[in-house]
Amino acid sequence: MQITDRVKNCNGCEACTVGCKYACIKMERDENGNKKPVINEDGCSKCNNCVLYCPVFNPVDLPEFENFYEY
């Protein structure tokens, strides 16, 4: 299964390529010129690391900078 089947609004950040243990994800440009991930199904072990690294599928709330910085 391609990651774009699960993540509909992919922004092309390439985080999924970092998360893939088997390096079977590559980014290709679609007809609009946007980068989209394409998974080599033969190398994929279906571990879902790519989805876990995806900030669109798994949003992360970052703390405010002021909470960590004291002048």
N, C-alpha and C. Protein backbone atom coordinates (compact mmCIF):
# COMPACT_ATOMS: atom_id res chain seq x y z
N MET A 1 0.84 -1.18 0.00
CA MET A 1 0.00 0.00 0.00
C MET A 1 0.89 1.24 0.00
N GLN A 2 0.56 2.17 -0.84
CA GLN A 2 1.31 3.42 -0.91
C GLN A 2 0.94 4.31 0.27
N ILE A 3 1.90 5.08 0.74
CA ILE A 3 1.65 5.97 1.88
C ILE A 3 0.63 7.03 1.53
N THR A 4 0.55 7.43 0.28
CA THR A 4 -0.43 8.45 -0.11
C THR A 4 -1.86 7.92 -0.05
N ASP A 5 -2.04 6.59 0.02
CA ASP A 5 -3.37 6.03 0.24
C ASP A 5 -3.86 6.32 1.65
N ARG A 6 -2.93 6.40 2.60
CA ARG A 6 -3.29 6.67 4.00
C ARG A 6 -3.17 8.14 4.35
N VAL A 7 -2.23 8.85 3.71
CA VAL A 7 -2.01 10.27 3.98
C VAL A 7 -2.45 11.03 2.74
N LYS A 8 -3.64 11.60 2.79
CA LYS A 8 -4.22 12.23 1.60
C LYS A 8 -3.61 13.58 1.29
N ASN A 9 -3.18 14.33 2.30
CA ASN A 9 -2.69 15.69 2.09
C ASN A 9 -1.19 15.77 2.24
N CYS A 10 -0.46 14.91 1.60
CA CYS A 10 1.00 14.88 1.69
C CYS A 10 1.58 16.24 1.26
N ASN A 11 2.50 16.77 2.08
CA ASN A 11 3.10 18.06 1.76
C ASN A 11 4.50 17.93 1.17
N GLY A 12 4.99 16.71 0.97
CA GLY A 12 6.28 16.50 0.33
C GLY A 12 7.47 16.78 1.23
N CYS A 13 7.32 16.67 2.54
CA CYS A 13 8.40 17.03 3.47
C CYS A 13 9.51 15.98 3.53
N GLU A 14 9.29 14.79 3.02
CA GLU A 14 10.25 13.69 2.96
C GLU A 14 10.56 13.07 4.31
N ALA A 15 9.73 13.30 5.32
CA ALA A 15 9.94 12.67 6.62
C ALA A 15 9.77 11.15 6.53
N CYS A 16 8.92 10.70 5.65
CA CYS A 16 8.70 9.25 5.50
C CYS A 16 9.96 8.55 4.98
N THR A 17 10.75 9.23 4.17
CA THR A 17 11.98 8.63 3.67
C THR A 17 12.99 8.45 4.79
N VAL A 18 12.96 9.35 5.78
CA VAL A 18 13.84 9.23 6.94
C VAL A 18 13.40 8.05 7.80
N GLY A 19 12.09 7.87 7.93
CA GLY A 19 11.56 6.81 8.79
C GLY A 19 11.66 5.41 8.22
N CYS A 20 11.85 5.29 6.93
CA CYS A 20 11.89 3.96 6.30
C CYS A 20 13.20 3.25 6.60
N LYS A 21 13.10 2.12 7.31
CA LYS A 21 14.28 1.35 7.69
C LYS A 21 14.95 0.68 6.50
N TYR A 22 14.18 0.41 5.46
CA TYR A 22 14.70 -0.34 4.32
C TYR A 22 14.99 0.53 3.11
N ALA A 23 14.86 1.83 3.26
CA ALA A 23 15.14 2.80 2.19
C ALA A 23 14.40 2.45 0.89
N CYS A 24 13.13 2.12 1.03
CA CYS A 24 12.35 1.76 -0.16
C CYS A 24 11.36 2.85 -0.57
N ILE A 25 11.53 4.07 -0.01
CA ILE A 25 10.68 5.19 -0.39
C ILE A 25 11.51 6.21 -1.14
N LYS A 26 11.01 6.62 -2.29
CA LYS A 26 11.67 7.70 -3.02
C LYS A 26 10.62 8.74 -3.37
N MET A 27 11.08 9.96 -3.51
CA MET A 27 10.17 11.06 -3.82
C MET A 27 10.18 11.31 -5.32
N GLU A 28 8.99 11.40 -5.90
CA GLU A 28 8.85 11.70 -7.32
C GLU A 28 7.87 12.86 -7.48
N ARG A 29 8.05 13.62 -8.53
CA ARG A 29 7.16 14.75 -8.81
C ARG A 29 5.91 14.25 -9.53
N ASP A 30 4.76 14.76 -9.11
CA ASP A 30 3.51 14.41 -9.78
C ASP A 30 3.25 15.36 -10.95
N GLU A 31 2.08 15.30 -11.54
CA GLU A 31 1.77 16.12 -12.71
C GLU A 31 1.73 17.60 -12.40
N ASN A 32 1.55 17.96 -11.13
CA ASN A 32 1.54 19.37 -10.74
C ASN A 32 2.91 19.88 -10.29
N GLY A 33 3.90 19.00 -10.28
CA GLY A 33 5.24 19.38 -9.87
C GLY A 33 5.50 19.23 -8.38
N ASN A 34 4.53 18.69 -7.64
CA ASN A 34 4.68 18.47 -6.20
C ASN A 34 5.37 17.14 -5.94
N LYS A 35 6.20 17.10 -4.91
CA LYS A 35 6.89 15.87 -4.56
C LYS A 35 5.96 14.95 -3.76
N LYS A 36 5.90 13.69 -4.17
CA LYS A 36 5.07 12.69 -3.51
C LYS A 36 5.90 11.43 -3.29
N PRO A 37 5.69 10.72 -2.17
CA PRO A 37 6.44 9.49 -1.92
C PRO A 37 5.91 8.33 -2.75
N VAL A 38 6.82 7.52 -3.24
CA VAL A 38 6.47 6.29 -3.95
C VAL A 38 7.23 5.15 -3.27
N ILE A 39 6.49 4.13 -2.85
CA ILE A 39 7.08 3.03 -2.09
C ILE A 39 7.33 1.85 -3.01
N ASN A 40 8.54 1.30 -2.94
CA ASN A 40 8.87 0.06 -3.63
C ASN A 40 8.24 -1.07 -2.83
N GLU A 41 7.14 -1.62 -3.33
CA GLU A 41 6.38 -2.64 -2.60
C GLU A 41 7.19 -3.91 -2.34
N ASP A 42 8.19 -4.19 -3.18
CA ASP A 42 8.98 -5.40 -3.00
C ASP A 42 9.90 -5.30 -1.77
N GLY A 43 10.34 -4.10 -1.43
CA GLY A 43 11.23 -3.92 -0.29
C GLY A 43 10.52 -3.55 1.00
N CYS A 44 9.25 -3.21 0.91
CA CYS A 44 8.50 -2.74 2.07
C CYS A 44 8.11 -3.91 2.97
N SER A 45 8.39 -3.76 4.27
CA SER A 45 8.02 -4.81 5.23
C SER A 45 6.71 -4.48 5.95
N LYS A 46 6.06 -3.39 5.54
CA LYS A 46 4.79 -2.94 6.12
C LYS A 46 4.92 -2.65 7.62
N CYS A 47 6.04 -2.03 8.01
CA CYS A 47 6.29 -1.71 9.42
C CYS A 47 5.60 -0.43 9.86
N ASN A 48 5.15 0.39 8.91
CA ASN A 48 4.44 1.65 9.16
C ASN A 48 5.30 2.73 9.80
N ASN A 49 6.62 2.61 9.77
CA ASN A 49 7.48 3.69 10.26
C ASN A 49 7.27 4.95 9.44
N CYS A 50 7.05 4.81 8.15
CA CYS A 50 6.86 5.97 7.30
C CYS A 50 5.65 6.78 7.76
N VAL A 51 4.59 6.11 8.16
CA VAL A 51 3.39 6.80 8.62
C VAL A 51 3.62 7.41 10.00
N LEU A 52 4.39 6.73 10.84
CA LEU A 52 4.67 7.27 12.17
C LEU A 52 5.52 8.53 12.11
N TYR A 53 6.40 8.64 11.11
CA TYR A 53 7.23 9.82 10.95
C TYR A 53 6.49 10.97 10.26
N CYS A 54 5.38 10.70 9.63
CA CYS A 54 4.65 11.70 8.85
C CYS A 54 4.00 12.74 9.75
N PRO A 55 4.37 14.03 9.62
CA PRO A 55 3.76 15.06 10.45
C PRO A 55 2.31 15.38 10.06
N VAL A 56 1.88 14.99 8.88
CA VAL A 56 0.49 15.21 8.48
C VAL A 56 -0.41 14.15 9.13
N PHE A 57 0.04 12.90 9.14
CA PHE A 57 -0.72 11.80 9.72
C PHE A 57 -0.63 11.81 11.24
N ASN A 58 0.53 12.18 11.77
CA ASN A 58 0.83 12.17 13.19
C ASN A 58 1.27 13.57 13.62
N PRO A 59 0.38 14.53 13.75
CA PRO A 59 0.81 15.89 14.07
C PRO A 59 1.46 15.98 15.45
N VAL A 60 2.46 16.85 15.55
CA VAL A 60 3.20 17.04 16.79
C VAL A 60 3.00 18.48 17.25
N ASP A 61 2.61 18.64 18.49
CA ASP A 61 2.48 19.98 19.07
C ASP A 61 3.81 20.38 19.66
N LEU A 62 4.43 21.39 19.09
CA LEU A 62 5.70 21.87 19.59
C LEU A 62 5.46 22.91 20.67
N PRO A 63 6.27 22.89 21.74
CA PRO A 63 6.09 23.89 22.80
C PRO A 63 6.54 25.27 22.33
N GLU A 64 6.04 26.27 22.98
CA GLU A 64 6.44 27.64 22.68
C GLU A 64 7.89 27.85 23.07
N PHE A 65 8.61 28.60 22.26
CA PHE A 65 10.02 28.85 22.51
C PHE A 65 10.24 29.56 23.84
N GLU A 66 9.34 30.46 24.19
CA GLU A 66 9.48 31.25 25.40
C GLU A 66 9.45 30.39 26.66
N ASN A 67 8.83 29.23 26.60
CA ASN A 67 8.76 28.36 27.76
C ASN A 67 10.10 27.74 28.11
N PHE A 68 11.05 27.73 27.21
CA PHE A 68 12.34 27.10 27.44
C PHE A 68 13.48 28.10 27.54
N TYR A 69 13.22 29.33 27.23
CA TYR A 69 14.28 30.30 27.15
C TYR A 69 14.13 31.35 28.25
N GLU A 70 15.17 31.49 29.05
CA GLU A 70 15.19 32.56 30.04
C GLU A 70 16.38 33.45 29.72
N TYR A 71 16.15 34.73 29.72
CA TYR A 71 17.22 35.65 29.37
C TYR A 71 18.09 35.92 30.57
